[in-house]
Amino acid sequence: MSLNTSPSANRIHIGIFGKRNAGKSSVINAITGQNLAIVSPRKGTTTDPVQKAMELLPLGPVVIIDTPGLDDDGDLGELRVEKAYQVLRKVDIALLVIDATLGVTSYDLDILEKIKEKKIPVIAAINKYDLLTDNDHDEKNTYANESIDTIKLIDAGADKISILHISTKTNHNIEALKDLLAKKAKPLLDSKPLVKDLITQSDFVILVTPIDESAPKGRLILPQQQVIREIIECGATAIVVQETKLQDTLDGLRKAPALVITDSQVFKEVDNIVPSIIPLTSFSILFARYKGNLEQLVGGTTALDSLNDEDHILISEGCTHHRQCNDIGSVKLPNWISAHSKKKLHFHFTSGTEFPDDLTKYKLIVHCGGCVLNEREMQHRLEVAKSHNIPMTNYGTAIAHMNGILERSLVFMYTGR
């Protein structure tokens, strides 16, 4: 990833929903000015959610997610509709496309109810407006249809619903739709700080990044890239070293670093090297603060001390990277947790978009930092765990707890330097 490219996890996610043939793909092509989605009069052209990262003016970097029709039928159709609903876990703005010739249907009202439950800002784009205003429809009936649809949508009570009549054929109100998307997104663009509130201009920040068999060849992983970018943006200096060079680096600096940030898997080694007066944390803990719920994840670490024989633990990662022979998620963490608890445990693993809705068999969930997941998806996973009363922590907080350095890695965030 280029330093000038916004990661997908940091982009506003816009989900496009609606019945088959409502014109979802045509709306995507109209607002982007590109032929990104296949348009066909045949129902069910979009069979699975498809997402595309792009720039959408005047909004900026976004991820647009095209979903299958909400009225898809048959066994496969039901699975596709379920996939469409699952997209609500990650979208920041929902765009509901309604066929003006059919009006608001039960399918539209059903998804509006789910959007309301998740408190997602929603725009209802009533498409094919040109078919209501042709020579076969008089002006009186056109306004009657608009009024009926508007009343139905408002009665649905979705959070801050906005309604526009549009036409992808004539481009009627397409610019207004783009402006409305930008307006809905504006409150979401004030991003939380990742590290910039912990440092000042001219500070030195040391980043400890192990290079072993599990490290990607020729590049830094996404959390490291994002932290480096933010450090540079606020005028500080990022110094990137392997743990084997950390002591030499500290000895060679003319002033102490303001902060040391380490990869979680070498937390213990780094803690032994870095003097206690220098703040120390991990990339994973920073991301827990940035897009998760740090208090909940820290609280989940206590479950590591009360595990019993035959307990089941879920280790979940947001990305789908190829697991190496000494992978932190599937090898190192299970070994560390087993050694810490001195119990015989059963470990289960998920990655990417996989995250079970039923968590009842697990005693603990240990999640990665979630760098490739947007905040809404991460919050969804935290809420599912909380609803099942299952403790959840992440790699960095768990490793710090097991090594007795969790308090050190957190205290400076609250007390300052």
Protein backbone atom coordinates (compact mmCIF):
# COMPACT_ATOMS: atom_id res chain seq x y z
CA MET A 1 0.00 0.00 0.00
CA SER A 2 1.32 3.43 -0.92
CA LEU A 3 1.63 5.98 1.87
CA ASN A 4 -0.66 8.20 -0.23
CA THR A 5 -3.40 5.57 -0.46
CA SER A 6 -6.19 5.46 2.13
CA PRO A 7 -6.59 1.93 3.54
CA SER A 8 -10.03 0.47 2.90
CA ALA A 9 -10.60 0.23 6.65
CA ASN A 10 -10.28 4.04 6.91
CA ARG A 11 -12.69 4.79 4.06
CA ILE A 12 -16.40 5.55 4.42
CA HIS A 13 -18.28 2.34 3.54
CA ILE A 14 -21.45 2.90 1.50
CA GLY A 15 -23.78 -0.09 1.12
CA ILE A 16 -26.23 -0.17 -1.82
CA PHE A 17 -29.43 -2.12 -1.08
CA GLY A 18 -32.70 -2.76 -2.87
CA LYS A 19 -34.82 -5.24 -4.78
CA ARG A 20 -33.61 -6.93 -7.94
CA ASN A 21 -33.87 -4.59 -10.93
CA ALA A 22 -34.40 -1.53 -8.74
CA GLY A 23 -31.32 -0.11 -10.46
CA LYS A 24 -28.65 -0.51 -7.76
CA SER A 25 -25.85 -1.11 -10.26
CA SER A 26 -27.03 1.78 -12.42
CA VAL A 27 -26.94 4.07 -9.38
CA ILE A 28 -23.36 3.00 -8.62
CA ASN A 29 -22.31 3.74 -12.18
CA ALA A 30 -24.13 7.09 -12.14
CA ILE A 31 -22.62 8.43 -8.90
CA THR A 32 -19.11 7.22 -9.78
CA GLY A 33 -19.22 8.21 -13.45
CA GLN A 34 -17.75 4.79 -14.28
CA ASN A 35 -19.05 1.44 -15.43
CA LEU A 36 -18.08 -0.32 -12.21
CA ALA A 37 -21.14 -2.54 -11.94
CA ILE A 38 -22.75 -4.78 -14.56
CA VAL A 39 -26.14 -3.47 -15.61
CA SER A 40 -28.68 -5.91 -17.02
CA PRO A 41 -32.49 -6.10 -17.29
CA ARG A 42 -32.18 -9.69 -16.06
CA LYS A 43 -33.01 -10.08 -12.39
CA GLY A 44 -30.26 -11.18 -10.03
CA THR A 45 -27.22 -9.95 -11.97
CA THR A 46 -25.45 -9.19 -8.68
CA THR A 47 -25.25 -12.53 -6.85
CA ASP A 48 -22.81 -11.68 -4.06
CA PRO A 49 -21.77 -8.47 -2.29
CA VAL A 50 -19.08 -6.74 -4.35
CA GLN A 51 -16.98 -3.94 -2.88
CA LYS A 52 -14.82 -1.40 -4.66
CA ALA A 53 -12.45 1.14 -3.10
CA MET A 54 -12.44 4.42 -5.01
CA GLU A 55 -12.59 8.22 -4.86
CA LEU A 56 -16.09 9.70 -4.90
CA LEU A 57 -16.25 13.48 -5.23
CA PRO A 58 -17.07 15.55 -3.27
CA LEU A 59 -16.80 12.90 -0.55
CA GLY A 60 -13.29 11.50 -1.09
CA PRO A 61 -12.04 7.94 -0.54
CA VAL A 62 -14.88 5.45 -0.08
CA VAL A 63 -15.71 1.78 -0.35
CA ILE A 64 -18.91 1.11 -2.29
CA ILE A 65 -20.58 -2.25 -1.66
CA ASP A 66 -23.12 -3.55 -4.20
CA THR A 67 -25.43 -6.20 -2.74
CA PRO A 68 -27.75 -8.88 -4.15
CA GLY A 69 -31.45 -8.13 -4.52
CA LEU A 70 -33.45 -8.29 -1.31
CA ASP A 71 -36.22 -10.22 -3.09
CA ASP A 72 -33.93 -12.98 -4.43
CA ASP A 73 -35.67 -16.34 -4.14
CA GLY A 74 -34.89 -20.04 -3.90
CA ASP A 75 -32.34 -21.67 -1.61
CA LEU A 76 -29.43 -19.79 -3.17
CA GLY A 77 -31.45 -16.60 -3.17
CA GLU A 78 -32.01 -16.83 0.57
CA LEU A 79 -28.27 -17.21 1.12
CA ARG A 80 -27.64 -14.17 -1.09
CA VAL A 81 -30.16 -12.08 0.84
CA GLU A 82 -28.49 -13.15 4.08
CA LYS A 83 -25.16 -11.97 2.66
CA ALA A 84 -26.74 -8.64 1.77
CA TYR A 85 -27.98 -8.20 5.34
CA GLN A 86 -24.53 -9.11 6.69
CA VAL A 87 -23.09 -6.11 4.83
CA LEU A 88 -24.90 -3.91 7.38
CA ARG A 89 -22.22 -4.95 9.86
CA LYS A 90 -19.68 -2.78 8.09
CA VAL A 91 -21.50 0.04 6.27
CA ASP A 92 -21.32 3.63 7.52
CA ILE A 93 -24.08 4.85 5.17
CA ALA A 94 -26.89 2.81 3.66
CA LEU A 95 -28.25 3.78 0.24
CA LEU A 96 -31.61 2.11 -0.40
CA VAL A 97 -32.56 2.09 -4.09
CA ILE A 98 -36.32 1.84 -4.71
CA ASP A 99 -38.03 1.24 -8.05
CA ALA A 100 -40.33 4.23 -8.53
CA THR A 101 -42.69 2.21 -10.72
CA LEU A 102 -43.27 -0.25 -7.85
CA GLY A 103 -43.00 2.12 -4.91
CA VAL A 104 -41.91 1.18 -1.41
CA THR A 105 -42.29 -2.57 -0.89
CA SER A 106 -42.17 -4.87 2.12
CA TYR A 107 -38.57 -5.77 1.20
CA ASP A 108 -37.58 -2.11 1.45
CA LEU A 109 -39.35 -1.73 4.79
CA ASP A 110 -37.69 -4.88 6.16
CA ILE A 111 -34.20 -3.64 5.50
CA LEU A 112 -35.07 -0.17 6.77
CA GLU A 113 -36.01 -1.81 10.06
CA LYS A 114 -32.60 -3.50 10.25
CA ILE A 115 -30.87 -0.23 9.32
CA LYS A 116 -32.81 1.47 12.10
CA GLU A 117 -31.67 -1.18 14.61
CA LYS A 118 -28.04 -0.52 13.73
CA LYS A 119 -28.50 3.28 13.69
CA ILE A 120 -26.96 3.66 10.24
CA PRO A 121 -27.61 6.93 8.36
CA VAL A 122 -29.76 6.09 5.33
CA ILE A 123 -30.70 7.65 2.02
CA ALA A 124 -33.69 6.37 0.08
CA ALA A 125 -33.09 6.93 -3.63
CA ILE A 126 -36.34 6.38 -5.53
CA ASN A 127 -34.99 5.47 -8.96
CA LYS A 128 -36.56 5.45 -12.44
CA TYR A 129 -38.20 8.82 -11.78
CA ASP A 130 -38.20 9.37 -15.54
CA LEU A 131 -40.80 6.61 -15.89
CA LEU A 132 -43.15 8.52 -13.60
CA THR A 133 -42.80 11.75 -15.58
CA ASP A 134 -43.17 10.50 -19.14
CA ASN A 135 -46.20 11.08 -21.33
CA ASP A 136 -48.05 8.11 -19.85
CA HIS A 137 -48.28 9.70 -16.40
CA ASP A 138 -49.95 12.95 -15.59
CA GLU A 139 -48.43 15.43 -13.16
CA LYS A 140 -51.07 14.78 -10.50
CA ASN A 141 -50.32 11.05 -10.32
CA THR A 142 -46.58 11.72 -10.25
CA TYR A 143 -46.87 13.86 -7.13
CA ALA A 144 -49.29 11.35 -5.58
CA ASN A 145 -46.73 8.57 -5.98
CA GLU A 146 -44.00 10.75 -4.46
CA SER A 147 -46.19 11.59 -1.49
CA ILE A 148 -47.19 7.97 -0.81
CA ASP A 149 -43.58 6.72 -0.98
CA THR A 150 -42.33 9.53 1.22
CA ILE A 151 -44.95 8.87 3.89
CA LYS A 152 -44.14 5.14 3.93
CA LEU A 153 -40.42 5.81 4.32
CA ILE A 154 -40.84 8.39 7.05
CA ASP A 155 -43.23 6.08 8.91
CA ALA A 156 -40.51 3.40 8.76
CA GLY A 157 -38.57 5.61 11.16
CA ALA A 158 -35.05 4.89 9.95
CA ASP A 159 -32.41 7.06 11.59
CA LYS A 160 -32.19 10.45 9.86
CA ILE A 161 -33.68 9.15 6.62
CA SER A 162 -33.27 11.33 3.53
CA ILE A 163 -35.35 10.84 0.41
CA LEU A 164 -34.52 11.73 -3.20
CA HIS A 165 -36.30 10.93 -6.46
CA ILE A 166 -33.61 10.18 -9.05
CA SER A 167 -33.17 8.88 -12.56
CA THR A 168 -29.98 7.17 -13.71
CA LYS A 169 -31.26 7.46 -17.27
CA THR A 170 -31.58 11.26 -17.28
CA ASN A 171 -29.18 11.92 -14.34
CA HIS A 172 -32.01 13.66 -12.49
CA ASN A 173 -30.81 14.49 -8.94
CA ILE A 174 -27.60 12.42 -9.27
CA GLU A 175 -25.44 15.38 -8.24
CA ALA A 176 -27.82 16.04 -5.36
CA LEU A 177 -27.42 12.40 -4.30
CA LYS A 178 -23.63 12.72 -4.30
CA ASP A 179 -23.84 15.91 -2.24
CA LEU A 180 -26.19 14.19 0.20
CA LEU A 181 -23.78 11.26 0.59
CA ALA A 182 -21.01 13.74 1.39
CA LYS A 183 -23.23 15.49 3.94
CA LYS A 184 -24.08 12.19 5.65
CA ALA A 185 -20.41 11.22 5.74
CA LYS A 186 -19.05 14.49 7.11
CA PRO A 187 -19.61 13.65 10.82
CA LEU A 188 -17.86 10.31 10.23
CA LEU A 189 -14.71 11.83 8.74
CA ASP A 190 -13.44 13.31 12.01
CA SER A 191 -11.22 10.31 12.64
CA LYS A 192 -9.97 9.34 16.08
CA PRO A 193 -6.26 9.76 16.67
CA LEU A 194 -4.12 6.67 16.28
CA VAL A 195 -0.99 8.10 17.88
CA LYS A 196 -0.85 11.84 17.20
CA ASP A 197 -2.43 12.81 20.54
CA LEU A 198 0.35 10.96 22.38
CA ILE A 199 3.28 12.79 20.76
CA THR A 200 4.32 16.31 19.78
CA GLN A 201 6.38 17.90 17.02
CA SER A 202 10.08 17.03 17.09
CA ASP A 203 9.50 13.90 19.19
CA PHE A 204 11.34 10.68 18.36
CA VAL A 205 9.13 7.58 18.19
CA ILE A 206 10.73 4.15 17.93
CA LEU A 207 8.79 1.43 16.12
CA VAL A 208 9.95 -2.13 16.78
CA THR A 209 9.11 -4.35 13.80
CA PRO A 210 10.44 -7.92 13.83
CA ILE A 211 11.50 -9.38 10.50
CA ASP A 212 11.01 -13.13 10.73
CA GLU A 213 9.49 -15.92 8.63
CA SER A 214 5.97 -14.56 9.23
CA ALA A 215 6.79 -11.00 8.09
CA PRO A 216 5.60 -10.10 4.58
CA LYS A 217 8.38 -9.91 2.02
CA GLY A 218 9.29 -6.45 0.77
CA ARG A 219 6.83 -4.40 2.79
CA LEU A 220 5.66 -3.36 6.22
CA ILE A 221 2.31 -4.54 7.50
CA LEU A 222 -0.65 -2.14 7.47
CA PRO A 223 -0.61 -1.08 11.17
CA GLN A 224 3.05 -0.13 10.88
CA GLN A 225 2.41 1.88 7.72
CA GLN A 226 -0.51 3.77 9.25
CA VAL A 227 1.36 4.63 12.45
CA ILE A 228 4.40 5.83 10.50
CA ARG A 229 2.20 8.02 8.33
CA GLU A 230 0.52 9.68 11.33
CA ILE A 231 3.84 10.24 13.10
CA ILE A 232 5.24 11.97 10.02
CA GLU A 233 2.07 14.05 9.54
CA CYS A 234 2.35 15.57 13.01
CA GLY A 235 6.00 16.55 12.54
CA ALA A 236 7.62 13.87 14.68
CA THR A 237 10.34 11.41 13.64
CA ALA A 238 9.69 7.69 13.19
CA ILE A 239 12.65 5.37 13.79
CA VAL A 240 11.99 1.80 12.63
CA VAL A 241 14.17 -0.99 14.03
CA GLN A 242 14.17 -4.71 14.65
CA GLU A 243 14.17 -5.81 18.26
CA THR A 244 17.79 -6.96 17.88
CA LYS A 245 18.86 -3.37 17.11
CA LEU A 246 16.71 -1.66 19.74
CA GLN A 247 19.37 -1.32 22.45
CA ASP A 248 21.94 0.12 20.01
CA THR A 249 19.34 2.59 18.76
CA LEU A 250 18.46 3.79 22.25
CA ASP A 251 22.14 4.17 23.11
CA GLY A 252 22.76 6.20 19.95
CA LEU A 253 19.97 8.75 20.42
CA ARG A 254 20.85 12.16 21.83
CA LYS A 255 17.48 12.40 23.55
CA ALA A 256 15.08 9.78 24.84
CA PRO A 257 12.22 8.75 22.56
CA ALA A 258 8.79 10.05 23.48
CA LEU A 259 7.28 6.63 22.85
CA VAL A 260 8.23 3.09 21.84
CA ILE A 261 5.65 1.08 19.88
CA THR A 262 6.30 -2.60 19.39
CA ASP A 263 4.90 -5.55 17.54
CA SER A 264 3.05 -7.59 20.18
CA GLN A 265 4.99 -10.79 19.65
CA VAL A 266 8.21 -9.23 21.01
CA PHE A 267 6.50 -7.25 23.78
CA LYS A 268 8.41 -9.03 26.56
CA GLU A 269 11.84 -8.58 24.96
CA VAL A 270 11.19 -4.90 24.27
CA ASP A 271 9.91 -4.31 27.81
CA ASN A 272 13.19 -5.70 29.15
CA ILE A 273 15.20 -3.26 27.01
CA VAL A 274 13.21 -0.01 27.24
CA PRO A 275 13.69 1.91 30.53
CA SER A 276 10.50 2.20 32.57
CA ILE A 277 10.50 6.01 32.29
CA ILE A 278 9.94 5.72 28.52
CA PRO A 279 6.31 5.06 27.50
CA LEU A 280 5.83 1.69 25.78
CA THR A 281 2.84 0.22 23.97
CA SER A 282 2.03 -1.97 20.97
CA PHE A 283 0.47 -1.47 17.55
CA SER A 284 -2.36 -3.76 18.57
CA ILE A 285 -3.20 -1.73 21.68
CA LEU A 286 -3.18 1.49 19.66
CA PHE A 287 -5.65 -0.03 17.21
CA ALA A 288 -7.85 -1.26 20.06
CA ARG A 289 -8.09 2.35 21.22
CA TYR A 290 -8.50 3.66 17.67
CA LYS A 291 -11.40 1.60 16.42
CA GLY A 292 -12.53 -0.76 19.13
CA ASN A 293 -13.37 -0.55 22.76
CA LEU A 294 -10.13 -0.54 24.72
CA GLU A 295 -11.88 -0.83 28.09
CA GLN A 296 -13.76 -3.95 27.00
CA LEU A 297 -10.65 -5.54 25.47
CA VAL A 298 -8.53 -4.81 28.55
CA GLY A 299 -11.27 -6.22 30.76
CA GLY A 300 -11.29 -9.39 28.68
CA THR A 301 -7.69 -10.16 29.64
CA THR A 302 -8.75 -11.29 33.11
CA ALA A 303 -10.36 -14.38 31.55
CA LEU A 304 -6.85 -15.60 30.72
CA ASP A 305 -6.34 -16.19 34.46
CA SER A 306 -9.47 -18.30 34.97
CA LEU A 307 -9.39 -20.79 32.10
CA ASN A 308 -10.20 -24.44 32.80
CA ASP A 309 -9.29 -27.69 31.11
CA GLU A 310 -11.27 -28.32 27.90
CA ASP A 311 -12.28 -24.65 27.51
CA HIS A 312 -12.73 -23.44 23.93
CA ILE A 313 -11.02 -20.25 22.76
CA LEU A 314 -11.70 -18.40 19.51
CA ILE A 315 -8.77 -16.62 17.86
CA SER A 316 -10.06 -14.32 15.13
CA GLU A 317 -8.21 -12.28 12.52
CA GLY A 318 -9.65 -9.63 10.25
CA CYS A 319 -7.36 -10.35 7.31
CA THR A 320 -6.83 -13.50 5.27
CA HIS A 321 -3.05 -13.58 4.97
CA HIS A 322 -1.26 -16.85 4.33
CA ARG A 323 -0.37 -18.38 7.69
CA GLN A 324 3.34 -19.11 8.14
CA CYS A 325 4.95 -21.94 10.11
CA ASN A 326 5.37 -19.76 13.22
CA ASP A 327 2.27 -17.60 12.79
CA ILE A 328 1.38 -15.44 15.78
CA GLY A 329 -2.36 -16.16 15.65
CA SER A 330 -2.37 -19.88 15.02
CA VAL A 331 0.90 -20.93 16.68
CA LYS A 332 2.44 -18.44 19.10
CA LEU A 333 -0.70 -17.22 20.85
CA PRO A 334 -2.12 -20.71 21.51
CA ASN A 335 1.25 -21.74 22.94
CA TRP A 336 1.51 -18.63 25.15
CA ILE A 337 -2.09 -18.94 26.40
CA SER A 338 -1.65 -22.65 27.16
CA ALA A 339 1.57 -21.96 29.04
CA HIS A 340 0.00 -19.07 30.97
CA SER A 341 -3.11 -21.02 31.99
CA LYS A 342 -1.41 -24.43 32.40
CA LYS A 343 -4.62 -25.96 31.06
CA LYS A 344 -5.56 -28.24 28.17
CA LEU A 345 -7.44 -25.92 25.81
CA HIS A 346 -9.18 -26.14 22.46
CA PHE A 347 -8.41 -23.38 19.96
CA HIS A 348 -10.61 -22.37 17.02
CA PHE A 349 -9.67 -19.91 14.27
CA THR A 350 -11.54 -17.56 11.95
CA SER A 351 -10.24 -15.00 9.47
CA GLY A 352 -11.46 -12.35 7.07
CA THR A 353 -15.22 -11.78 7.09
CA GLU A 354 -15.85 -14.94 9.11
CA PHE A 355 -17.05 -14.24 12.62
CA PRO A 356 -19.65 -16.54 14.21
CA ASP A 357 -22.98 -15.18 15.40
CA ASP A 358 -23.19 -17.99 17.96
CA LEU A 359 -20.34 -17.69 20.45
CA THR A 360 -21.84 -19.71 23.28
CA LYS A 361 -19.21 -22.47 23.29
CA TYR A 362 -16.27 -20.11 23.78
CA LYS A 363 -14.77 -19.08 27.11
CA LEU A 364 -12.70 -16.31 25.52
CA ILE A 365 -12.22 -14.50 22.20
CA VAL A 366 -8.80 -13.15 21.23
CA HIS A 367 -8.96 -10.84 18.20
CA CYS A 368 -6.22 -9.27 16.12
CA GLY A 369 -5.79 -5.49 16.05
CA GLY A 370 -8.39 -5.25 13.29
CA CYS A 371 -6.35 -2.98 11.03
CA VAL A 372 -8.20 -4.13 7.88
CA LEU A 373 -11.65 -3.87 9.48
CA ASN A 374 -13.48 -0.58 9.68
CA GLU A 375 -14.70 0.68 13.03
CA ARG A 376 -18.31 -0.41 12.50
CA GLU A 377 -17.30 -4.01 11.72
CA MET A 378 -15.02 -4.09 14.76
CA GLN A 379 -17.77 -2.68 16.96
CA HIS A 380 -20.18 -5.31 15.62
CA ARG A 381 -17.85 -8.09 16.74
CA LEU A 382 -17.42 -6.53 20.15
CA GLU A 383 -21.19 -6.17 20.53
CA VAL A 384 -21.80 -9.81 19.55
CA ALA A 385 -19.29 -10.94 22.18
CA LYS A 386 -20.85 -8.66 24.79
CA SER A 387 -24.36 -9.90 23.99
CA HIS A 388 -23.18 -13.47 24.66
CA ASN A 389 -21.35 -12.36 27.82
CA ILE A 390 -18.11 -13.74 26.35
CA PRO A 391 -14.90 -11.92 27.32
CA MET A 392 -13.03 -10.53 24.32
CA THR A 393 -9.50 -9.19 24.17
CA ASN A 394 -6.94 -8.66 21.42
CA TYR A 395 -3.41 -9.78 20.66
CA GLY A 396 -1.62 -6.81 22.19
CA THR A 397 -3.64 -6.58 25.42
CA ALA A 398 -3.53 -10.36 25.92
CA ILE A 399 0.24 -10.62 25.40
CA ALA A 400 0.91 -7.60 27.62
CA HIS A 401 -1.28 -9.07 30.37
CA MET A 402 0.40 -12.47 30.23
CA ASN A 403 3.79 -10.76 30.54
CA GLY A 404 2.72 -8.49 33.38
CA ILE A 405 3.20 -5.26 31.41
CA LEU A 406 -0.36 -4.30 30.50
CA GLU A 407 -0.52 -1.47 33.05
CA ARG A 408 2.73 -0.02 31.73
CA SER A 409 1.45 -0.09 28.15
CA LEU A 410 -1.72 1.82 29.08
CA VAL A 411 -0.98 4.21 31.91
CA PHE A 412 0.70 6.94 29.83
CA MET A 413 -2.38 7.16 27.58
CA TYR A 414 -4.38 8.45 30.52
CA THR A 415 -1.81 10.29 32.63
CA GLY A 416 0.31 11.90 29.89
CA ARG A 417 4.09 12.03 29.83
